[in-house]
Amino acid sequence: MKKVFLAAGLMMFAGVTLAAGKPCEELKSEIASKLDAKGVQGYTLDVVDRNDSAGKEVGTCEGGTKKIVYTRH
């Protein structure tokens, strides 16, 4: 019975951790490295509020409260 409670507790902790989402700067650097690997040049990645409509959304972070937008120069 203790194992069941332990497993349930661990699963609840993992769910909360996943719901928090990635930090924006970490996700932004991952996206930038993927774009650089594909040879994309002349772009900007910006972290904005979820409701901001500037640029093309390429990712969400911090539990969906912010998003990363891509703009090409």
C-alpha atoms as a PDB file:
ATOM      1  CA  MET A   1       0.000   0.000   0.000  1.00  0.00           C
ATOM      2  CA  LYS A   2       2.881   2.376   0.716  1.00  0.00           C
ATOM      3  CA  LYS A   3       4.212   1.758  -2.790  1.00  0.00           C
ATOM      4  CA  VAL A   4       0.910   2.829  -4.297  1.00  0.00           C
ATOM      5  CA  PHE A   5       0.940   6.122  -2.370  1.00  0.00           C
ATOM      6  CA  LEU A   6       4.578   6.703  -3.250  1.00  0.00           C
ATOM      7  CA  ALA A   7       3.909   6.099  -6.944  1.00  0.00           C
ATOM      8  CA  ALA A   8       0.859   8.386  -6.889  1.00  0.00           C
ATOM      9  CA  GLY A   9       2.846  11.118  -5.169  1.00  0.00           C
ATOM     10  CA  LEU A  10       5.670  10.886  -7.690  1.00  0.00           C
ATOM     11  CA  MET A  11       3.255  11.049 -10.616  1.00  0.00           C
ATOM     12  CA  MET A  12       1.575  14.149  -9.165  1.00  0.00           C
ATOM     13  CA  PHE A  13       4.958  15.821  -8.715  1.00  0.00           C
ATOM     14  CA  ALA A  14       5.941  14.981 -12.306  1.00  0.00           C
ATOM     15  CA  GLY A  15       2.649  16.410 -13.594  1.00  0.00           C
ATOM     16  CA  VAL A  16       3.183  19.700 -11.797  1.00  0.00           C
ATOM     17  CA  THR A  17       6.742  19.918 -13.128  1.00  0.00           C
ATOM     18  CA  LEU A  18       5.626  19.324 -16.716  1.00  0.00           C
ATOM     19  CA  ALA A  19       2.787  21.837 -16.431  1.00  0.00           C
ATOM     20  CA  ALA A  20       5.238  24.554 -15.404  1.00  0.00           C
ATOM     21  CA  GLY A  21       6.820  24.484 -18.862  1.00  0.00           C
ATOM     22  CA  LYS A  22      10.312  25.436 -19.921  1.00  0.00           C
ATOM     23  CA  PRO A  23      11.936  28.725 -19.047  1.00  0.00           C
ATOM     24  CA  CYS A  24      11.677  31.113 -21.999  1.00  0.00           C
ATOM     25  CA  GLU A  25      15.404  31.715 -22.427  1.00  0.00           C
ATOM     26  CA  GLU A  26      16.113  27.969 -22.539  1.00  0.00           C
ATOM     27  CA  LEU A  27      13.468  27.346 -25.193  1.00  0.00           C
ATOM     28  CA  LYS A  28      14.558  30.430 -27.151  1.00  0.00           C
ATOM     29  CA  SER A  29      18.151  29.154 -27.326  1.00  0.00           C
ATOM     30  CA  GLU A  30      16.967  25.690 -28.436  1.00  0.00           C
ATOM     31  CA  ILE A  31      14.886  27.207 -31.250  1.00  0.00           C
ATOM     32  CA  ALA A  32      17.761  29.496 -32.285  1.00  0.00           C
ATOM     33  CA  SER A  33      20.183  26.564 -32.471  1.00  0.00           C
ATOM     34  CA  LYS A  34      17.748  24.618 -34.668  1.00  0.00           C
ATOM     35  CA  LEU A  35      17.307  27.590 -36.997  1.00  0.00           C
ATOM     36  CA  ASP A  36      21.076  28.150 -37.168  1.00  0.00           C
ATOM     37  CA  ALA A  37      21.628  24.458 -37.952  1.00  0.00           C
ATOM     38  CA  LYS A  38      19.252  24.812 -40.920  1.00  0.00           C
ATOM     39  CA  GLY A  39      21.187  27.837 -42.165  1.00  0.00           C
ATOM     40  CA  VAL A  40      18.503  30.416 -41.457  1.00  0.00           C
ATOM     41  CA  GLN A  41      19.879  33.960 -41.253  1.00  0.00           C
ATOM     42  CA  GLY A  42      18.400  37.404 -40.647  1.00  0.00           C
ATOM     43  CA  TYR A  43      15.829  36.577 -37.996  1.00  0.00           C
ATOM     44  CA  THR A  44      14.898  37.663 -34.483  1.00  0.00           C
ATOM     45  CA  LEU A  45      13.331  35.619 -31.698  1.00  0.00           C
ATOM     46  CA  ASP A  46      11.483  37.597 -29.036  1.00  0.00           C
ATOM     47  CA  VAL A  47       9.716  36.574 -25.843  1.00  0.00           C
ATOM     48  CA  VAL A  48       6.335  38.318 -25.581  1.00  0.00           C
ATOM     49  CA  ASP A  49       3.131  37.997 -23.573  1.00  0.00           C
ATOM     50  CA  ARG A  50       0.689  35.334 -24.680  1.00  0.00           C
ATOM     51  CA  ASN A  51      -1.779  37.935 -25.997  1.00  0.00           C
ATOM     52  CA  ASP A  52       0.761  39.857 -28.115  1.00  0.00           C
ATOM     53  CA  SER A  53       0.285  39.300 -31.864  1.00  0.00           C
ATOM     54  CA  ALA A  54       3.701  40.448 -33.168  1.00  0.00           C
ATOM     55  CA  GLY A  55       5.417  37.938 -35.463  1.00  0.00           C
ATOM     56  CA  LYS A  56       4.936  34.216 -36.041  1.00  0.00           C
ATOM     57  CA  GLU A  57       4.574  32.128 -32.881  1.00  0.00           C
ATOM     58  CA  VAL A  58       7.213  29.378 -32.761  1.00  0.00           C
ATOM     59  CA  GLY A  59       6.879  28.256 -29.143  1.00  0.00           C
ATOM     60  CA  THR A  60       5.249  28.794 -25.772  1.00  0.00           C
ATOM     61  CA  CYS A  61       6.998  28.887 -22.427  1.00  0.00           C
ATOM     62  CA  GLU A  62       6.533  29.434 -18.713  1.00  0.00           C
ATOM     63  CA  GLY A  63       3.356  27.388 -18.573  1.00  0.00           C
ATOM     64  CA  GLY A  64       1.777  29.079 -21.588  1.00  0.00           C
ATOM     65  CA  THR A  65       1.923  32.588 -20.113  1.00  0.00           C
ATOM     66  CA  LYS A  66       4.462  33.757 -22.691  1.00  0.00           C
ATOM     67  CA  LYS A  67       5.338  32.874 -26.266  1.00  0.00           C
ATOM     68  CA  ILE A  68       8.345  33.115 -28.554  1.00  0.00           C
ATOM     69  CA  VAL A  69       7.791  34.872 -31.856  1.00  0.00           C
ATOM     70  CA  TYR A  70       9.920  34.750 -35.006  1.00  0.00           C
ATOM     71  CA  THR A  71      10.390  37.756 -37.252  1.00  0.00           C
ATOM     72  CA  ARG A  72      12.462  37.815 -40.423  1.00  0.00           C
ATOM     73  CA  HIS A  73      14.531  40.854 -41.456  1.00  0.00           C
END
